[in-house]
C-alpha atoms as a PDB file:
ATOM      1  CA  MET A   1     118.751-120.256 108.122  1.00  0.00           C
ATOM      2  CA  LEU A   2     116.231-121.130 105.544  1.00  0.00           C
ATOM      3  CA  GLY A   3     113.344-121.157 108.105  1.00  0.00           C
ATOM      4  CA  THR A   4     114.123-117.822 109.282  1.00  0.00           C
ATOM      5  CA  ILE A   5     114.272-116.432 105.947  1.00  0.00           C
ATOM      6  CA  VAL A   6     110.823-117.816 104.993  1.00  0.00           C
ATOM      7  CA  ASN A   7     109.477-116.399 108.387  1.00  0.00           C
ATOM      8  CA  THR A   8     110.823-112.855 107.599  1.00  0.00           C
ATOM      9  CA  CYS A   9     109.354-113.113 104.067  1.00  0.00           C
ATOM     10  CA  THR A  10     106.058-114.080 105.444  1.00  0.00           C
ATOM     11  CA  ILE A  11     105.885-110.991 107.562  1.00  0.00           C
ATOM     12  CA  CYS A  12     106.788-108.747 104.826  1.00  0.00           C
ATOM     13  CA  ILE A  13     104.213-110.266 102.634  1.00  0.00           C
ATOM     14  CA  GLY A  14     101.515-110.094 105.284  1.00  0.00           C
ATOM     15  CA  SER A  15     102.285-106.490 106.152  1.00  0.00           C
ATOM     16  CA  LEU A  16     101.931-105.398 102.594  1.00  0.00           C
ATOM     17  CA  ILE A  17      98.594-107.219 102.035  1.00  0.00           C
ATOM     18  CA  GLY A  18      97.288-105.602 105.418  1.00  0.00           C
ATOM     19  CA  SER A  19      98.267-102.023 104.326  1.00  0.00           C
ATOM     20  CA  LEU A  20      96.654-102.591 100.979  1.00  0.00           C
ATOM     21  CA  VAL A  21      93.342-104.196 102.701  1.00  0.00           C
ATOM     22  CA  LYS A  22      93.459-101.167 105.086  1.00  0.00           C
ATOM     23  CA  LYS A  23      92.500 -98.779 102.433  1.00  0.00           C
ATOM     24  CA  GLY A  24      89.068-100.453 101.913  1.00  0.00           C
ATOM     25  CA  ILE A  25      88.302-100.940 105.639  1.00  0.00           C
ATOM     26  CA  LYS A  26      85.990 -98.751 107.432  1.00  0.00           C
ATOM     27  CA  GLU A  27      87.175 -97.091 110.824  1.00  0.00           C
ATOM     28  CA  LYS A  28      84.605 -99.423 112.692  1.00  0.00           C
ATOM     29  CA  TYR A  29      85.988-102.466 111.263  1.00  0.00           C
ATOM     30  CA  GLN A  30      89.433-101.323 112.004  1.00  0.00           C
ATOM     31  CA  ASN A  31      88.391-100.878 115.514  1.00  0.00           C
ATOM     32  CA  VAL A  32      87.094-104.511 115.401  1.00  0.00           C
ATOM     33  CA  LEU A  33      90.512-105.633 114.078  1.00  0.00           C
ATOM     34  CA  PHE A  34      92.230-103.445 116.884  1.00  0.00           C
ATOM     35  CA  THR A  35      89.939-105.221 119.689  1.00  0.00           C
ATOM     36  CA  ALA A  36      90.610-108.701 117.989  1.00  0.00           C
ATOM     37  CA  MET A  37      94.248-108.116 118.200  1.00  0.00           C
ATOM     38  CA  GLY A  38      94.257-107.111 121.899  1.00  0.00           C
ATOM     39  CA  LEU A  39      92.216-110.062 122.848  1.00  0.00           C
ATOM     40  CA  ALA A  40      94.646-112.549 120.783  1.00  0.00           C
ATOM     41  CA  ALA A  41      97.653-111.113 122.385  1.00  0.00           C
ATOM     42  CA  THR A  42      96.276-111.485 125.885  1.00  0.00           C
ATOM     43  CA  ALA A  43      95.152-115.029 125.124  1.00  0.00           C
ATOM     44  CA  LEU A  44      98.424-115.981 123.404  1.00  0.00           C
ATOM     45  CA  GLY A  45     100.364-114.488 126.251  1.00  0.00           C
ATOM     46  CA  ILE A  46      98.263-116.166 128.804  1.00  0.00           C
ATOM     47  CA  ASN A  47      98.658-119.516 127.119  1.00  0.00           C
ATOM     48  CA  ALA A  48     102.184-119.292 126.924  1.00  0.00           C
ATOM     49  CA  VAL A  49     102.423-118.678 130.594  1.00  0.00           C
ATOM     50  CA  VAL A  50     100.016-121.638 131.452  1.00  0.00           C
ATOM     51  CA  SER A  51     101.618-123.941 129.059  1.00  0.00           C
ATOM     52  CA  HIS A  52     105.340-123.500 130.483  1.00  0.00           C
ATOM     53  CA  MET A  53     104.606-122.708 134.071  1.00  0.00           C
ATOM     54  CA  PRO A  54     104.483-126.610 135.100  1.00  0.00           C
ATOM     55  CA  ASP A  55     107.779-127.160 133.535  1.00  0.00           C
ATOM     56  CA  SER A  56     109.362-124.409 135.188  1.00  0.00           C
ATOM     57  CA  ARG A  57     112.262-125.302 137.741  1.00  0.00           C
ATOM     58  CA  TYR A  58     112.649-121.753 138.898  1.00  0.00           C
ATOM     59  CA  PRO A  59     108.960-120.556 139.429  1.00  0.00           C
ATOM     60  CA  VAL A  60     109.911-117.168 141.152  1.00  0.00           C
ATOM     61  CA  LEU A  61     112.675-116.463 138.232  1.00  0.00           C
ATOM     62  CA  PHE A  62     109.978-114.846 136.078  1.00  0.00           C
ATOM     63  CA  ILE A  63     108.785-112.551 138.905  1.00  0.00           C
ATOM     64  CA  ALA A  64     112.379-111.386 139.598  1.00  0.00           C
ATOM     65  CA  SER A  65     113.111-111.035 135.965  1.00  0.00           C
ATOM     66  CA  LEU A  66     109.978-108.751 135.574  1.00  0.00           C
ATOM     67  CA  ALA A  67     110.701-106.505 138.627  1.00  0.00           C
ATOM     68  CA  ILE A  68     114.347-106.180 137.902  1.00  0.00           C
ATOM     69  CA  GLY A  69     114.033-105.822 133.906  1.00  0.00           C
ATOM     70  CA  GLY A  70     111.089-103.323 134.554  1.00  0.00           C
ATOM     71  CA  VAL A  71     113.146-101.019 136.507  1.00  0.00           C
ATOM     72  CA  ALA A  72     116.051-101.277 134.354  1.00  0.00           C
ATOM     73  CA  GLY A  73     113.721-100.498 130.985  1.00  0.00           C
ATOM     74  CA  THR A  74     111.935 -97.547 133.007  1.00  0.00           C
ATOM     75  CA  PHE A  75     115.287 -96.088 134.121  1.00  0.00           C
ATOM     76  CA  LEU A  76     116.477 -96.296 130.437  1.00  0.00           C
ATOM     77  CA  ASP A  77     112.935 -94.875 129.409  1.00  0.00           C
ATOM     78  CA  LEU A  78     112.899 -97.575 126.449  1.00  0.00           C
ATOM     79  CA  ASP A  79     109.182 -96.900 125.924  1.00  0.00           C
ATOM     80  CA  GLY A  80     109.552 -93.090 125.718  1.00  0.00           C
ATOM     81  CA  LYS A  81     112.285 -93.223 123.333  1.00  0.00           C
ATOM     82  CA  PHE A  82     110.664 -95.654 120.987  1.00  0.00           C
ATOM     83  CA  GLN A  83     107.288 -93.677 121.097  1.00  0.00           C
ATOM     84  CA  ARG A  84     109.227 -90.452 120.248  1.00  0.00           C
ATOM     85  CA  LEU A  85     111.063 -92.261 117.316  1.00  0.00           C
ATOM     86  CA  THR A  86     108.140 -93.813 115.810  1.00  0.00           C
ATOM     87  CA  ALA A  87     105.874 -90.644 116.467  1.00  0.00           C
ATOM     88  CA  ARG A  88     108.437 -88.945 113.695  1.00  0.00           C
ATOM     89  CA  PHE A  89     106.978 -91.473 111.081  1.00  0.00           C
ATOM     90  CA  SER A  90     103.217 -91.983 112.100  1.00  0.00           C
ATOM     91  CA  ASN A  91     100.492 -90.747 114.117  1.00  0.00           C
ATOM     92  CA  GLY A  92     101.831 -92.201 117.194  1.00  0.00           C
ATOM     93  CA  LYS A  93     100.059 -95.641 117.056  1.00  0.00           C
ATOM     94  CA  LEU A  94     102.965 -97.329 114.899  1.00  0.00           C
ATOM     95  CA  GLY A  95     105.052 -97.604 118.069  1.00  0.00           C
ATOM     96  CA  GLU A  96     102.269 -99.665 120.037  1.00  0.00           C
ATOM     97  CA  GLY A  97     101.788-101.740 116.911  1.00  0.00           C
ATOM     98  CA  LEU A  98     105.472-102.340 116.530  1.00  0.00           C
ATOM     99  CA  ALA A  99     105.798-103.508 120.041  1.00  0.00           C
ATOM    100  CA  THR A 100     102.991-105.990 119.977  1.00  0.00           C
ATOM    101  CA  GLY A 101     104.241-107.218 116.318  1.00  0.00           C
ATOM    102  CA  VAL A 102     107.615-107.899 117.611  1.00  0.00           C
ATOM    103  CA  LEU A 103     106.606-109.565 120.952  1.00  0.00           C
ATOM    104  CA  LEU A 104     103.957-111.699 118.916  1.00  0.00           C
ATOM    105  CA  TYR A 105     106.461-112.676 116.215  1.00  0.00           C
ATOM    106  CA  CYS A 106     109.935-112.963 118.484  1.00  0.00           C
ATOM    107  CA  ILE A 107     108.547-114.250 121.811  1.00  0.00           C
ATOM    108  CA  GLY A 108     107.015-117.849 121.763  1.00  0.00           C
ATOM    109  CA  THR A 109     108.364-121.356 121.828  1.00  0.00           C
ATOM    110  CA  LEU A 110     108.067-121.663 118.170  1.00  0.00           C
ATOM    111  CA  SER A 111     110.255-118.536 117.503  1.00  0.00           C
ATOM    112  CA  ILE A 112     112.911-119.349 119.843  1.00  0.00           C
ATOM    113  CA  LEU A 113     112.862-123.054 119.871  1.00  0.00           C
ATOM    114  CA  GLY A 114     112.650-123.033 115.940  1.00  0.00           C
ATOM    115  CA  PRO A 115     116.149-121.591 115.131  1.00  0.00           C
ATOM    116  CA  VAL A 116     117.536-123.603 117.834  1.00  0.00           C
ATOM    117  CA  MET A 117     116.095-126.851 116.149  1.00  0.00           C
ATOM    118  CA  SER A 118     117.341-125.565 112.642  1.00  0.00           C
ATOM    119  CA  ALA A 119     120.748-125.202 114.052  1.00  0.00           C
ATOM    120  CA  LEU A 120     121.117-128.109 115.840  1.00  0.00           C
ATOM    121  CA  TYR A 121     119.393-130.809 113.737  1.00  0.00           C
ATOM    122  CA  GLY A 122     118.324-129.046 110.517  1.00  0.00           C
ATOM    123  CA  ASP A 123     114.711-129.237 111.167  1.00  0.00           C
ATOM    124  CA  ASN A 124     112.704-126.346 110.072  1.00  0.00           C
ATOM    125  CA  THR A 125     109.257-127.547 111.049  1.00  0.00           C
ATOM    126  CA  TYR A 126     108.761-124.932 113.846  1.00  0.00           C
ATOM    127  CA  LEU A 127     109.956-122.051 111.797  1.00  0.00           C
ATOM    128  CA  PHE A 128     107.686-122.945 109.022  1.00  0.00           C
ATOM    129  CA  THR A 129     104.914-123.163 111.413  1.00  0.00           C
ATOM    130  CA  ASN A 130     105.734-119.803 112.763  1.00  0.00           C
ATOM    131  CA  ALA A 131     105.942-118.429 109.675  1.00  0.00           C
ATOM    132  CA  THR A 132     102.123-119.345 108.797  1.00  0.00           C
ATOM    133  CA  LEU A 133     101.220-117.989 111.848  1.00  0.00           C
ATOM    134  CA  ASP A 134     103.083-114.828 111.248  1.00  0.00           C
ATOM    135  CA  LEU A 135     101.664-114.354 107.810  1.00  0.00           C
ATOM    136  CA  VAL A 136      98.175-114.047 109.163  1.00  0.00           C
ATOM    137  CA  THR A 137      99.114-111.826 112.383  1.00  0.00           C
ATOM    138  CA  SER A 138     101.061-109.440 110.214  1.00  0.00           C
ATOM    139  CA  THR A 139      98.299-109.063 107.963  1.00  0.00           C
ATOM    140  CA  VAL A 140      96.028-108.180 110.672  1.00  0.00           C
ATOM    141  CA  LEU A 141      98.613-105.916 112.504  1.00  0.00           C
ATOM    142  CA  ALA A 142      99.220-104.137 109.283  1.00  0.00           C
ATOM    143  CA  SER A 143      95.608-103.631 108.358  1.00  0.00           C
ATOM    144  CA  THR A 144      95.339-101.600 111.823  1.00  0.00           C
ATOM    145  CA  TYR A 145      98.618 -99.786 111.991  1.00  0.00           C
ATOM    146  CA  GLY A 146      99.610 -99.680 108.422  1.00  0.00           C
ATOM    147  CA  ILE A 147     102.913-100.275 106.230  1.00  0.00           C
ATOM    148  CA  GLY A 148     105.138 -99.483 109.009  1.00  0.00           C
ATOM    149  CA  MET A 149     104.798-102.937 110.638  1.00  0.00           C
ATOM    150  CA  LEU A 150     107.281-103.911 107.926  1.00  0.00           C
ATOM    151  CA  LEU A 151     109.977-102.735 110.237  1.00  0.00           C
ATOM    152  CA  ALA A 152     109.191-105.610 112.473  1.00  0.00           C
ATOM    153  CA  ALA A 153     110.462-107.934 109.722  1.00  0.00           C
ATOM    154  CA  PRO A 154     114.551-107.132 110.176  1.00  0.00           C
ATOM    155  CA  ILE A 155     114.032-107.298 114.001  1.00  0.00           C
ATOM    156  CA  LEU A 156     112.578-110.824 113.668  1.00  0.00           C
ATOM    157  CA  PHE A 157     115.333-111.772 111.250  1.00  0.00           C
ATOM    158  CA  CYS A 158     118.011-110.449 113.717  1.00  0.00           C
ATOM    159  CA  TRP A 159     116.256-112.260 116.626  1.00  0.00           C
ATOM    160  CA  GLN A 160     116.001-115.603 115.166  1.00  0.00           C
ATOM    161  CA  GLY A 161     119.345-115.220 113.558  1.00  0.00           C
ATOM    162  CA  MET A 162     120.834-114.794 117.113  1.00  0.00           C
ATOM    163  CA  PHE A 163     119.520-117.857 118.548  1.00  0.00           C
ATOM    164  CA  TYR A 164     120.464-119.733 115.370  1.00  0.00           C
ATOM    165  CA  LEU A 165     124.090-118.522 115.759  1.00  0.00           C
ATOM    166  CA  LEU A 166     124.214-119.187 119.404  1.00  0.00           C
ATOM    167  CA  ALA A 167     122.897-122.681 119.340  1.00  0.00           C
ATOM    168  CA  ARG A 168     125.236-123.351 116.265  1.00  0.00           C
ATOM    169  CA  PHE A 169     128.310-121.923 117.908  1.00  0.00           C
ATOM    170  CA  VAL A 170     127.790-121.760 121.696  1.00  0.00           C
ATOM    171  CA  CYS A 171     124.730-123.858 122.896  1.00  0.00           C
ATOM    172  CA  THR A 172     126.522-127.043 121.567  1.00  0.00           C
ATOM    173  CA  ALA A 173     129.498-126.038 123.803  1.00  0.00           C
ATOM    174  CA  PHE A 174     127.608-124.663 126.695  1.00  0.00           C
ATOM    175  CA  PHE A 175     123.722-124.808 127.207  1.00  0.00           C
ATOM    176  CA  THR A 176     122.869-128.386 126.248  1.00  0.00           C
ATOM    177  CA  GLY A 177     120.101-130.924 127.356  1.00  0.00           C
ATOM    178  CA  ASP A 178     117.882-129.748 130.256  1.00  0.00           C
ATOM    179  CA  LEU A 179     119.802-126.542 130.897  1.00  0.00           C
ATOM    180  CA  LEU A 180     118.781-125.462 127.326  1.00  0.00           C
ATOM    181  CA  ASN A 181     115.155-126.730 127.831  1.00  0.00           C
ATOM    182  CA  ASP A 182     114.958-124.751 131.161  1.00  0.00           C
ATOM    183  CA  LEU A 183     116.388-121.629 129.538  1.00  0.00           C
ATOM    184  CA  ILE A 184     113.568-121.676 126.684  1.00  0.00           C
ATOM    185  CA  THR A 185     110.965-122.591 129.196  1.00  0.00           C
ATOM    186  CA  GLU A 186     111.705-119.377 131.377  1.00  0.00           C
ATOM    187  CA  LEU A 187     112.016-117.233 128.368  1.00  0.00           C
ATOM    188  CA  SER A 188     108.428-118.201 127.153  1.00  0.00           C
ATOM    189  CA  ILE A 189     107.057-117.499 130.556  1.00  0.00           C
ATOM    190  CA  VAL A 190     108.448-113.922 130.645  1.00  0.00           C
ATOM    191  CA  GLY A 191     107.605-113.603 127.017  1.00  0.00           C
ATOM    192  CA  GLY A 192     104.088-114.627 127.665  1.00  0.00           C
ATOM    193  CA  VAL A 193     103.559-112.173 130.413  1.00  0.00           C
ATOM    194  CA  LEU A 194     104.946-109.265 128.032  1.00  0.00           C
ATOM    195  CA  ILE A 195     102.713-110.577 125.206  1.00  0.00           C
ATOM    196  CA  ALA A 196      99.484-110.330 127.664  1.00  0.00           C
ATOM    197  CA  SER A 197     100.585-106.947 128.902  1.00  0.00           C
ATOM    198  CA  SER A 198     100.770-105.784 125.490  1.00  0.00           C
ATOM    199  CA  GLY A 199      97.186-106.993 124.655  1.00  0.00           C
ATOM    200  CA  LEU A 200      96.126-105.141 127.753  1.00  0.00           C
ATOM    201  CA  GLY A 201      97.368-102.028 126.265  1.00  0.00           C
ATOM    202  CA  ILE A 202      95.786-102.373 122.994  1.00  0.00           C
ATOM    203  CA  LEU A 203      92.545-103.007 124.588  1.00  0.00           C
ATOM    204  CA  LYS A 204      92.851 -99.894 126.555  1.00  0.00           C
ATOM    205  CA  ILE A 205      92.558-101.876 129.933  1.00  0.00           C
ATOM    206  CA  LYS A 206      96.192-100.742 131.388  1.00  0.00           C
ATOM    207  CA  ASP A 207      99.166 -99.137 129.553  1.00  0.00           C
ATOM    208  CA  CYS A 208     101.962-101.398 130.883  1.00  0.00           C
ATOM    209  CA  LYS A 209     104.634 -99.670 128.849  1.00  0.00           C
ATOM    210  CA  THR A 210     105.541-103.240 127.794  1.00  0.00           C
ATOM    211  CA  LEU A 211     108.844-102.018 125.939  1.00  0.00           C
ATOM    212  CA  ASN A 212     110.040-100.905 129.474  1.00  0.00           C
ATOM    213  CA  LEU A 213     109.783-104.397 130.518  1.00  0.00           C
ATOM    214  CA  LEU A 214     111.944-105.863 127.580  1.00  0.00           C
ATOM    215  CA  PRO A 215     115.020-106.162 129.674  1.00  0.00           C
ATOM    216  CA  SER A 216     113.152-108.820 131.733  1.00  0.00           C
ATOM    217  CA  LEU A 217     114.168-111.193 128.761  1.00  0.00           C
ATOM    218  CA  LEU A 218     117.879-110.638 129.618  1.00  0.00           C
ATOM    219  CA  LEU A 219     117.723-111.826 133.108  1.00  0.00           C
ATOM    220  CA  PRO A 220     117.044-115.741 132.613  1.00  0.00           C
ATOM    221  CA  VAL A 221     119.809-115.868 130.050  1.00  0.00           C
ATOM    222  CA  LEU A 222     122.104-114.627 132.816  1.00  0.00           C
ATOM    223  CA  PHE A 223     120.636-116.596 135.582  1.00  0.00           C
ATOM    224  CA  PHE A 224     121.419-119.704 133.280  1.00  0.00           C
ATOM    225  CA  CYS A 225     125.098-118.550 132.497  1.00  0.00           C
ATOM    226  CA  TYR A 226     125.409-118.140 136.120  1.00  0.00           C
ATOM    227  CA  ILE A 227     124.167-121.836 136.808  1.00  0.00           C
ATOM    228  CA  PHE A 228     126.610-123.015 133.952  1.00  0.00           C
ATOM    229  CA  LEU A 229     129.615-121.340 135.461  1.00  0.00           C
ATOM    230  CA  ARG A 230     128.793-122.503 138.996  1.00  0.00           C
ATOM    231  CA  LYS A 231     128.332-126.066 137.671  1.00  0.00           C
ATOM    232  CA  ASN A 232     131.721-125.936 135.838  1.00  0.00           C
ATOM    233  CA  ALA A 233     133.661-124.000 138.463  1.00  0.00           C
END
């Protein structure tokens, strides 16, 4: 868990630095940072999709996941509930910032594969690399959205901790080899789409209500559970 702890600490440090720097940044520069983060999120999302799509053995899975997950998230009104919750503590923009931050921190090859490699092989290289990237990202996000971005740190810890525990106690018995690689690939594709949609929202191009799409990440997991059970029936 060392890599995850370091990653969590870098987000806390970056959020503190960014919130302090914000006090000395004029509104026009904050707007530039806001635009930069939107462009960066869109680019990172597209890159994640393009990078993993050629390795996908189930190219239709991400479409089905987004459709079913989106309907489920809309039915549960995840975006609305989250916005109402964060509105109690901010001017209403914190919810958008946290949604973007959580996606950027949690959804990606480094943040998913990192804890798996740490659990299975004791290799924290991916997590340390991810921590460095998140230090910069959290600083920029906090300079735009404020100290409330600290709330993303415990979410990252729980997210990576979940993958660490699953890899340590479950994946070694169930998802191994190609099955594990395929699962990570599909999660990265769906996650890339969600990151890109978050970027579009920041740029005011399209409010995709990304939080309503979060259940989409559960569909690949359920799909591969089905494959495993079918193979071992």
